[in-house]
Amino acid sequence: MKDIKVLILGGGDSTRYWPLGDKLFMTYLGRPLLYYRLNQLYKNGFKNIYLIAGSHNLDKYKLFKNKFPEFSFNIIIQKDKRGMAGAVLSAEDSIKNSPLLIIKPSDLFEDSLFSHFLKSAKTEDIILTGFTSQNYFPGGYLTVKDGYLQHIVEKPDKDNLPSSMTRLVFDYFKDSSLFLNYLKKARSTKDDLYEVALENMAKDKHKLYVLNYSGFWGQLQYPWNALNISSYYLSKIKNYKGQNVQIAKGAVLKGNVYLEDGVKILENSKIIGPTYIGKNTLIGNNVIIRDSMIGDNCIIGFTTEITRSLIGNNNWFHTNYIGDSIMSDNIALGAGAVIANFRLDESEIYSSVGHQKLNTNKIKLGAAIGENTRIGVNSSIMPGIKIGKNCVIGSGLVISRDINDYNSCFLKPDLQIQENKNASKTKSRENLKTALKF
């Protein structure tokens, strides 16, 4: 195990995750997703780690290393831009001629995968990981016979799937140089050179053992996937109250509620677990929060309701409804603004990603909102909508389509102001009482 080098493919630009930014640095229970990935590797004995970075997120990785010095890893800049294959080949000088484990850091899986892998690695030289799923997954699909790979197809048509086994990126090569050579020879007009290399290895009679993983798998590709990750981490929390927490006598806490230092909960609010509330966040009067994560330094104002949502840091709400939504940092909602999460026809909610309209497979889904955005009073955000960073949504709007970064939307009604010619006929309150014989 000590000889195995772990290559983390962290150079992606998270474009499908828009408008939420870099998915590896989105926080869950107060820490970024990358923290949990590295912690899991360390806990299971893997400390020889190489992390692929892009020019867009290199500085973030450096800041992460400074903030969490307990983790030691080598950063390699991805110079070859050909997807996963390019990421691996960019690290060739560091990983060749050694046992290699390749993982995708945004995939969330349980520790049981490591124990099953280590057991299989005693007898198998090449290990891929499969996951049997009833729902369509926009990734690789495996055809397996007697435990070994026969074929791999990247993003097949959902109406013509080769099997029910999708591919989880947790790949082991006892001899990394063998795989590197196949990557160099792979040819394709699509973004699937990595999968083509695996397919060619199988054709050349190399035995690629497929480990069938059956635990929790959180695939973080699209914004709504973050809700599944949030629910998973919430399921692990216990009751906790940090230092200087203030809870009013009339407030009600039910279930597992984790309160960080400095949280203040005012009268008549109700917190239903599992719920996490970050440092120095204020929960105002008559607020209801359930099954949600709330970040640090937030103000959850009077009569706001938040349910099954992931809320970032430094957000400010007042008399709002927020359902099944994902919100970045520094977002403000004016009084009466609502994020709807349920269609009146009760059908599944679709969301546009690029030029595709995707089925989220969710009956309830609110909005995904980027950082530094402001939403005016009494505006309504329809289910499945995405709003970019640094946007301003004016008052009284109904937002039924995605709004790109740095955009503003305002309603301009034709407001008519004219003289009240009946002013002399308007009775005073006292005269009106007399006329009505009160």
Protein backbone atom coordinates (compact mmCIF):
# COMPACT_ATOMS: atom_id res chain seq x y z
CA MET A 1 0.00 0.00 0.00
CA LYS A 2 2.82 2.40 0.82
CA ASP A 3 4.22 1.92 -2.70
CA ILE A 4 0.95 2.82 -4.43
CA LYS A 5 0.88 6.30 -5.89
CA VAL A 6 -2.52 7.98 -5.91
CA LEU A 7 -3.31 10.29 -8.82
CA ILE A 8 -6.21 12.68 -8.15
CA LEU A 9 -7.69 14.12 -11.33
CA GLY A 10 -8.46 17.64 -10.12
CA GLY A 11 -7.76 19.73 -13.22
CA GLY A 12 -11.34 19.97 -14.50
CA ASP A 13 -13.01 23.34 -14.90
CA SER A 14 -16.40 22.29 -13.41
CA THR A 15 -18.31 23.82 -16.35
CA ARG A 16 -21.23 21.41 -15.90
CA TYR A 17 -21.39 22.50 -12.27
CA TRP A 18 -22.16 26.13 -13.14
CA PRO A 19 -23.07 28.43 -11.45
CA LEU A 20 -21.56 27.03 -8.24
CA GLY A 21 -17.84 27.39 -9.00
CA ASP A 22 -15.19 24.74 -8.31
CA LYS A 23 -16.96 21.71 -6.86
CA LEU A 24 -13.88 20.53 -4.93
CA PHE A 25 -13.94 23.70 -2.83
CA MET A 26 -17.64 23.80 -2.03
CA THR A 27 -18.05 23.30 1.71
CA TYR A 28 -19.94 20.57 3.51
CA LEU A 29 -20.14 20.69 7.31
CA GLY A 30 -17.74 23.62 7.22
CA ARG A 31 -14.98 22.01 5.14
CA PRO A 32 -14.34 21.76 1.38
CA LEU A 33 -15.02 18.52 -0.45
CA LEU A 34 -11.30 18.09 -1.19
CA TYR A 35 -10.66 17.89 2.56
CA TYR A 36 -12.86 14.81 2.88
CA ARG A 37 -11.23 13.11 -0.10
CA LEU A 38 -7.70 13.58 1.26
CA ASN A 39 -8.76 12.67 4.77
CA GLN A 40 -10.26 9.42 3.49
CA LEU A 41 -7.07 8.56 1.62
CA TYR A 42 -4.91 9.27 4.66
CA LYS A 43 -7.19 7.29 6.94
CA ASN A 44 -6.91 4.28 4.66
CA GLY A 45 -3.12 4.45 4.47
CA PHE A 46 -2.58 6.25 1.13
CA LYS A 47 -0.17 9.14 1.52
CA ASN A 48 1.84 9.15 -1.72
CA ILE A 49 -0.51 11.56 -3.47
CA TYR A 50 -0.23 13.50 -6.72
CA LEU A 51 -2.93 16.03 -7.56
CA ILE A 52 -3.55 17.26 -11.09
CA ALA A 53 -4.37 20.97 -11.21
CA GLY A 54 -5.30 23.39 -13.96
CA SER A 55 -4.12 26.97 -14.29
CA HIS A 56 -7.60 28.08 -13.18
CA ASN A 57 -7.47 26.35 -9.79
CA LEU A 58 -3.75 26.07 -9.02
CA ASP A 59 -3.84 28.96 -6.54
CA LYS A 60 -6.78 27.36 -4.71
CA TYR A 61 -4.81 24.14 -4.21
CA LYS A 62 -1.86 26.11 -2.86
CA LEU A 63 -4.13 27.95 -0.39
CA PHE A 64 -5.65 24.63 0.61
CA LYS A 65 -2.21 23.20 1.41
CA ASN A 66 -1.47 26.21 3.61
CA LYS A 67 -4.79 25.96 5.43
CA PHE A 68 -4.61 22.19 5.96
CA PRO A 69 -0.89 21.40 6.45
CA GLU A 70 -1.77 17.96 7.82
CA PHE A 71 -2.15 16.84 4.21
CA SER A 72 0.93 16.49 2.04
CA PHE A 73 0.51 16.11 -1.70
CA ASN A 74 2.35 16.97 -4.89
CA ILE A 75 0.71 19.36 -7.35
CA ILE A 76 1.13 18.71 -11.08
CA ILE A 77 -0.19 21.19 -13.65
CA GLN A 78 -2.16 19.57 -16.47
CA LYS A 79 -0.41 20.65 -19.66
CA ASP A 80 -2.05 18.07 -21.92
CA LYS A 81 -5.67 19.24 -22.28
CA ARG A 82 -7.11 15.98 -23.64
CA GLY A 83 -9.44 15.25 -20.73
CA MET A 84 -8.65 12.42 -18.33
CA ALA A 85 -6.06 10.95 -20.67
CA GLY A 86 -4.23 14.27 -20.83
CA ALA A 87 -4.34 14.60 -17.06
CA VAL A 88 -2.68 11.21 -16.55
CA LEU A 89 -0.06 11.79 -19.26
CA SER A 90 0.78 15.17 -17.71
CA ALA A 91 1.94 13.25 -14.62
CA GLU A 92 3.92 10.61 -16.52
CA ASP A 93 7.33 11.53 -15.12
CA SER A 94 6.04 11.28 -11.54
CA ILE A 95 4.00 8.08 -11.79
CA LYS A 96 5.73 5.81 -14.32
CA ASN A 97 7.12 2.42 -13.28
CA SER A 98 5.08 2.25 -10.09
CA PRO A 99 1.73 0.92 -8.82
CA LEU A 100 -0.91 3.56 -9.51
CA LEU A 101 -4.42 4.29 -8.23
CA ILE A 102 -6.40 6.88 -10.22
CA ILE A 103 -9.42 8.52 -8.62
CA LYS A 104 -11.84 11.31 -9.41
CA PRO A 105 -11.97 13.61 -6.36
CA SER A 106 -15.57 14.69 -6.88
CA ASP A 107 -16.86 11.11 -6.60
CA LEU A 108 -17.97 10.30 -3.07
CA PHE A 109 -17.74 6.69 -1.92
CA GLU A 110 -17.51 4.84 1.37
CA ASP A 111 -14.45 3.34 3.07
CA SER A 112 -15.65 -0.15 2.17
CA LEU A 113 -14.40 0.44 -1.36
CA PHE A 114 -10.83 0.72 -0.07
CA SER A 115 -11.02 -2.51 1.88
CA HIS A 116 -12.46 -4.41 -1.11
CA PHE A 117 -9.84 -2.90 -3.38
CA LEU A 118 -6.91 -3.83 -1.15
CA LYS A 119 -8.17 -7.40 -0.96
CA SER A 120 -8.49 -7.62 -4.75
CA ALA A 121 -5.09 -5.99 -5.33
CA LYS A 122 -3.41 -9.02 -3.78
CA THR A 123 -4.33 -11.13 -6.81
CA GLU A 124 -5.23 -8.69 -9.62
CA ASP A 125 -2.81 -6.48 -11.57
CA ILE A 126 -5.47 -4.19 -13.06
CA ILE A 127 -8.66 -3.20 -11.25
CA LEU A 128 -11.55 -1.08 -12.49
CA THR A 129 -14.63 -0.26 -10.43
CA GLY A 130 -18.24 -0.70 -11.49
CA PHE A 131 -21.55 0.31 -9.93
CA THR A 132 -24.88 -1.26 -10.85
CA SER A 133 -27.53 1.41 -11.29
CA GLN A 134 -31.15 1.50 -12.44
CA ASN A 135 -30.93 5.19 -13.42
CA TYR A 136 -29.12 6.48 -16.48
CA PHE A 137 -25.68 7.90 -15.76
CA PRO A 138 -23.89 10.10 -18.36
CA GLY A 139 -20.58 8.26 -18.10
CA GLY A 140 -18.87 4.99 -18.97
CA TYR A 141 -20.73 1.68 -19.10
CA LEU A 142 -19.03 -1.68 -18.67
CA THR A 143 -19.68 -5.09 -20.16
CA VAL A 144 -18.26 -7.72 -17.82
CA LYS A 145 -17.81 -11.49 -18.17
CA ASP A 146 -16.58 -13.69 -15.31
CA GLY A 147 -15.50 -10.60 -13.44
CA TYR A 148 -13.35 -9.11 -16.22
CA LEU A 149 -13.90 -6.25 -18.63
CA GLN A 150 -15.06 -7.11 -22.14
CA HIS A 151 -16.06 -3.67 -23.41
CA ILE A 152 -16.35 -0.09 -22.20
CA VAL A 153 -18.60 2.50 -23.84
CA GLU A 154 -18.47 6.17 -22.90
CA LYS A 155 -21.84 7.95 -22.66
CA PRO A 156 -23.97 5.52 -24.65
CA ASP A 157 -27.52 6.44 -25.69
CA LYS A 158 -29.78 5.97 -22.67
CA ASP A 159 -32.20 3.89 -24.77
CA ASN A 160 -29.45 1.51 -25.87
CA LEU A 161 -27.31 0.76 -22.79
CA PRO A 162 -24.86 -2.14 -23.07
CA SER A 163 -25.42 -3.10 -19.41
CA SER A 164 -26.60 -1.74 -16.09
CA MET A 165 -23.05 -1.34 -14.76
CA THR A 166 -21.66 2.18 -14.85
CA ARG A 167 -18.05 3.09 -14.25
CA LEU A 168 -16.73 4.71 -11.09
CA VAL A 169 -13.27 6.26 -11.58
CA PHE A 170 -11.27 4.20 -9.11
CA ASP A 171 -8.69 2.47 -11.34
CA TYR A 172 -5.61 0.54 -10.27
CA PHE A 173 -2.62 -0.47 -12.37
CA LYS A 174 0.16 -2.50 -10.79
CA ASP A 175 2.39 -1.37 -13.67
CA SER A 176 1.48 2.23 -14.49
CA SER A 177 3.80 2.27 -17.50
CA LEU A 178 1.67 -0.35 -19.24
CA PHE A 179 -1.38 1.90 -19.04
CA LEU A 180 0.64 4.99 -19.99
CA ASN A 181 1.77 3.28 -23.18
CA TYR A 182 -1.82 2.45 -24.12
CA LEU A 183 -2.87 6.05 -23.44
CA LYS A 184 -0.18 7.34 -25.79
CA LYS A 185 -1.37 5.04 -28.58
CA ALA A 186 -5.10 5.69 -28.10
CA ARG A 187 -6.92 7.48 -30.92
CA SER A 188 -10.41 8.92 -30.96
CA THR A 189 -12.40 11.85 -32.32
CA LYS A 190 -14.30 12.08 -29.02
CA ASP A 191 -13.28 12.97 -25.48
CA ASP A 192 -12.82 9.30 -24.53
CA LEU A 193 -9.12 8.52 -25.02
CA TYR A 194 -8.92 7.15 -21.49
CA GLU A 195 -11.76 4.69 -22.17
CA VAL A 196 -10.34 3.77 -25.58
CA ALA A 197 -7.05 2.83 -23.90
CA LEU A 198 -8.90 0.53 -21.47
CA GLU A 199 -10.88 -1.00 -24.32
CA ASN A 200 -7.67 -1.67 -26.27
CA MET A 201 -6.10 -3.32 -23.23
CA ALA A 202 -9.06 -5.67 -22.98
CA LYS A 203 -8.85 -6.46 -26.72
CA ASP A 204 -5.17 -7.34 -26.25
CA LYS A 205 -6.19 -9.94 -23.64
CA HIS A 206 -5.01 -8.03 -20.60
CA LYS A 207 -7.15 -9.03 -17.64
CA LEU A 208 -8.98 -5.97 -16.30
CA TYR A 209 -10.78 -7.09 -13.17
CA VAL A 210 -13.98 -5.17 -12.39
CA LEU A 211 -14.70 -4.62 -8.72
CA ASN A 212 -18.46 -4.37 -8.19
CA TYR A 213 -18.98 -1.62 -5.62
CA SER A 214 -22.40 -1.49 -3.93
CA GLY A 215 -22.06 1.25 -1.30
CA PHE A 216 -23.03 4.91 -1.49
CA TRP A 217 -21.78 6.68 -4.61
CA GLY A 218 -22.23 10.42 -4.95
CA GLN A 219 -21.48 11.61 -8.49
CA LEU A 220 -20.91 15.34 -8.47
CA GLN A 221 -21.39 16.43 -12.07
CA TYR A 222 -24.31 18.83 -12.02
CA PRO A 223 -25.43 21.41 -9.44
CA TRP A 224 -28.35 19.35 -8.16
CA ASN A 225 -25.97 16.48 -7.35
CA ALA A 226 -24.68 18.62 -4.46
CA LEU A 227 -27.96 17.99 -2.63
CA ASN A 228 -27.24 14.24 -2.58
CA ILE A 229 -23.75 14.89 -1.19
CA SER A 230 -25.20 17.22 1.44
CA SER A 231 -27.77 14.62 2.50
CA TYR A 232 -25.04 11.99 2.84
CA TYR A 233 -22.90 14.12 5.14
CA LEU A 234 -25.93 15.25 7.14
CA SER A 235 -26.81 11.61 7.77
CA LYS A 236 -23.49 11.26 9.67
CA ILE A 237 -23.88 14.13 12.14
CA LYS A 238 -24.83 13.92 15.81
CA ASN A 239 -26.15 16.54 18.20
CA TYR A 240 -23.45 19.08 18.94
CA LYS A 241 -23.35 22.57 20.45
CA GLY A 242 -20.20 24.66 20.14
CA GLN A 243 -18.98 27.48 22.33
CA ASN A 244 -20.98 30.68 22.89
CA VAL A 245 -24.14 29.25 21.33
CA GLN A 246 -27.33 31.06 22.34
CA ILE A 247 -30.72 29.35 22.05
CA ALA A 248 -33.86 31.24 23.10
CA LYS A 249 -36.28 29.48 25.43
CA GLY A 250 -39.02 29.43 22.82
CA ALA A 251 -36.84 27.82 20.13
CA VAL A 252 -37.30 24.12 19.32
CA LEU A 253 -34.54 21.75 18.19
CA LYS A 254 -35.56 18.28 17.04
CA GLY A 255 -33.37 15.45 15.78
CA ASN A 256 -29.61 15.69 15.17
CA VAL A 257 -28.66 19.37 15.02
CA TYR A 258 -25.01 20.45 14.81
CA LEU A 259 -24.41 24.04 15.96
CA GLU A 260 -20.98 25.57 15.44
CA ASP A 261 -19.45 28.24 17.70
CA GLY A 262 -21.31 31.51 18.03
CA VAL A 263 -24.67 30.38 16.60
CA LYS A 264 -27.64 32.37 17.89
CA ILE A 265 -31.24 31.11 17.59
CA LEU A 266 -34.04 33.50 18.47
CA GLU A 267 -37.56 32.92 19.84
CA ASN A 268 -40.12 30.63 18.19
CA SER A 269 -37.71 29.18 15.63
CA LYS A 270 -37.70 25.47 14.87
CA ILE A 271 -34.66 23.50 13.69
CA ILE A 272 -35.37 19.95 12.50
CA GLY A 273 -32.43 17.59 12.02
CA PRO A 274 -30.36 16.47 10.48
CA THR A 275 -29.29 20.09 10.15
CA TYR A 276 -25.91 21.82 10.33
CA ILE A 277 -25.53 25.54 11.16
CA GLY A 278 -22.15 27.20 10.69
CA LYS A 279 -20.19 29.58 12.88
CA ASN A 280 -21.69 32.89 14.01
CA THR A 281 -24.90 32.41 12.05
CA LEU A 282 -28.03 34.11 13.36
CA ILE A 283 -31.39 32.33 13.13
CA GLY A 284 -34.14 34.95 13.50
CA ASN A 285 -37.62 34.74 14.96
CA ASN A 286 -40.17 32.23 13.60
CA VAL A 287 -37.67 30.57 11.26
CA ILE A 288 -38.03 26.93 10.18
CA ILE A 289 -34.98 24.98 8.99
CA ARG A 290 -35.01 21.27 8.23
CA ASP A 291 -32.63 18.77 6.65
CA SER A 292 -30.24 21.52 5.54
CA MET A 293 -26.71 22.86 5.78
CA ILE A 294 -26.26 26.54 6.59
CA GLY A 295 -22.81 28.12 6.29
CA ASP A 296 -20.92 30.59 8.46
CA ASN A 297 -21.92 34.19 9.22
CA CYS A 298 -25.41 33.94 7.73
CA ILE A 299 -28.51 35.86 8.79
CA ILE A 300 -31.64 33.78 8.40
CA GLY A 301 -34.25 36.46 8.98
CA PHE A 302 -37.81 36.57 10.28
CA THR A 303 -40.22 33.79 9.11
CA THR A 304 -37.79 32.34 6.57
CA GLU A 305 -38.23 28.64 5.78
CA ILE A 306 -35.34 26.55 4.45
CA THR A 307 -35.79 22.89 3.62
CA ARG A 308 -33.39 20.27 2.20
CA SER A 309 -30.98 22.94 0.98
CA LEU A 310 -27.24 23.62 0.92
CA ILE A 311 -26.49 27.23 1.86
CA GLY A 312 -23.03 28.80 1.67
CA ASN A 313 -21.39 31.47 3.83
CA ASN A 314 -22.31 35.12 4.46
CA ASN A 315 -25.87 34.85 3.11
CA TRP A 316 -28.73 37.09 4.17
CA PHE A 317 -32.42 36.17 3.99
CA HIS A 318 -35.64 37.75 5.25
CA THR A 319 -39.16 36.29 5.00
CA ASN A 320 -38.19 33.83 2.26
CA TYR A 321 -38.97 30.27 1.23
CA ILE A 322 -35.97 28.26 0.01
CA GLY A 323 -36.62 24.65 -0.96
CA ASP A 324 -34.21 22.01 -2.29
CA SER A 325 -31.72 24.66 -3.42
CA ILE A 326 -27.98 25.18 -3.59
CA MET A 327 -26.65 28.65 -2.86
CA SER A 328 -23.06 29.90 -2.98
CA ASP A 329 -21.58 32.62 -0.75
CA ASN A 330 -22.68 36.22 -0.20
CA ILE A 331 -26.24 36.01 -1.53
CA ALA A 332 -29.10 38.23 -0.35
CA LEU A 333 -32.83 37.67 -0.83
CA GLY A 334 -35.24 40.54 -0.32
CA ALA A 335 -38.39 40.10 1.75
CA GLY A 336 -40.96 37.87 0.12
CA ALA A 337 -38.60 36.36 -2.47
CA VAL A 338 -39.41 32.69 -3.05
CA ILE A 339 -37.44 29.82 -4.55
CA ALA A 340 -40.02 27.33 -5.81
CA ASN A 341 -39.14 23.64 -5.78
CA PHE A 342 -42.23 21.84 -7.04
CA ARG A 343 -44.08 21.87 -10.36
CA LEU A 344 -47.86 22.14 -10.27
CA ASP A 345 -48.14 19.10 -12.57
CA GLU A 346 -45.91 17.16 -10.13
CA SER A 347 -43.62 15.98 -12.93
CA GLU A 348 -39.84 15.61 -12.86
CA ILE A 349 -37.84 18.80 -13.15
CA TYR A 350 -35.54 19.47 -16.11
CA SER A 351 -32.54 21.81 -16.18
CA SER A 352 -30.47 23.12 -19.07
CA VAL A 353 -26.75 22.33 -19.17
CA GLY A 354 -24.99 23.75 -22.20
CA HIS A 355 -27.24 22.98 -25.15
CA GLN A 356 -28.91 20.04 -23.45
CA LYS A 357 -32.05 19.91 -21.37
CA LEU A 358 -31.45 17.27 -18.73
CA ASN A 359 -33.84 15.37 -16.54
CA THR A 360 -32.67 15.88 -12.96
CA ASN A 361 -34.74 12.84 -11.86
CA LYS A 362 -36.04 15.00 -9.03
CA ILE A 363 -39.65 15.82 -8.27
CA LYS A 364 -38.52 18.59 -5.92
CA LEU A 365 -35.69 20.89 -6.96
CA GLY A 366 -35.24 24.59 -6.37
CA ALA A 367 -32.51 26.88 -7.70
CA ALA A 368 -28.72 26.91 -7.93
CA ILE A 369 -27.38 30.43 -7.36
CA GLY A 370 -23.83 31.72 -7.80
CA GLU A 371 -21.92 33.93 -5.39
CA ASN A 372 -22.49 37.66 -4.83
CA THR A 373 -26.02 37.65 -6.28
CA ARG A 374 -28.93 39.80 -5.08
CA ILE A 375 -32.63 38.96 -5.51
CA GLY A 376 -35.24 41.67 -4.93
CA VAL A 377 -38.41 41.63 -2.86
CA ASN A 378 -41.32 39.46 -3.97
CA SER A 379 -39.45 37.83 -6.84
CA SER A 380 -40.08 34.17 -7.62
CA ILE A 381 -37.50 31.70 -8.94
CA MET A 382 -39.05 28.73 -10.72
CA PRO A 383 -37.96 25.08 -10.11
CA GLY A 384 -34.64 23.98 -11.59
CA ILE A 385 -33.44 27.49 -12.49
CA LYS A 386 -29.77 28.51 -12.29
CA ILE A 387 -28.63 32.06 -11.64
CA GLY A 388 -24.99 33.01 -12.15
CA LYS A 389 -22.61 34.89 -9.91
CA ASN A 390 -22.69 38.68 -9.46
CA CYS A 391 -26.27 38.99 -10.71
CA VAL A 392 -29.04 41.36 -9.67
CA ILE A 393 -32.64 40.18 -9.92
CA GLY A 394 -35.04 43.07 -9.44
CA SER A 395 -38.27 43.13 -7.48
CA GLY A 396 -41.50 41.43 -8.48
CA LEU A 397 -40.00 39.19 -11.17
CA VAL A 398 -40.77 35.61 -12.15
CA ILE A 399 -37.51 33.98 -13.28
CA SER A 400 -38.30 30.99 -15.49
CA ARG A 401 -35.01 30.64 -17.38
CA ASP A 402 -31.33 30.57 -16.45
CA ILE A 403 -29.52 33.88 -15.91
CA ASN A 404 -25.84 34.10 -16.89
CA ASP A 405 -23.05 35.54 -14.73
CA TYR A 406 -22.90 39.34 -14.29
CA ASN A 407 -26.44 39.93 -15.58
CA SER A 408 -29.21 42.11 -14.17
CA CYS A 409 -32.96 41.69 -14.61
CA PHE A 410 -35.56 44.36 -13.87
CA LEU A 411 -39.28 44.74 -14.43
CA LYS A 412 -40.24 48.07 -16.00
CA PRO A 413 -44.00 48.52 -15.62
CA ASP A 414 -45.75 51.46 -17.21
CA LEU A 415 -46.44 53.36 -14.00
CA GLN A 416 -49.04 56.08 -14.60
CA ILE A 417 -49.16 59.03 -12.17
CA GLN A 418 -51.89 61.65 -12.57
CA GLU A 419 -53.90 64.14 -10.57
CA ASN A 420 -56.64 62.79 -8.30
CA LYS A 421 -59.56 64.88 -9.56
CA ASN A 422 -61.92 63.33 -6.99
CA ALA A 423 -59.90 64.50 -4.02
CA SER A 424 -62.60 67.00 -2.96
CA LYS A 425 -65.17 64.21 -2.83
CA THR A 426 -63.11 62.03 -0.54
CA LYS A 427 -64.71 61.94 2.89
CA SER A 428 -62.71 62.17 6.07
CA ARG A 429 -62.75 59.20 8.44
CA GLU A 430 -65.11 60.99 10.88
CA ASN A 431 -67.57 62.00 8.16
CA LEU A 432 -67.46 58.47 6.77
CA LYS A 433 -68.38 57.02 10.18
CA THR A 434 -71.35 59.41 10.41
CA ALA A 435 -72.51 58.58 6.90
CA LEU A 436 -72.41 54.86 7.64
CA LYS A 437 -74.09 55.45 11.05
CA PHE A 438 -71.45 53.65 13.07
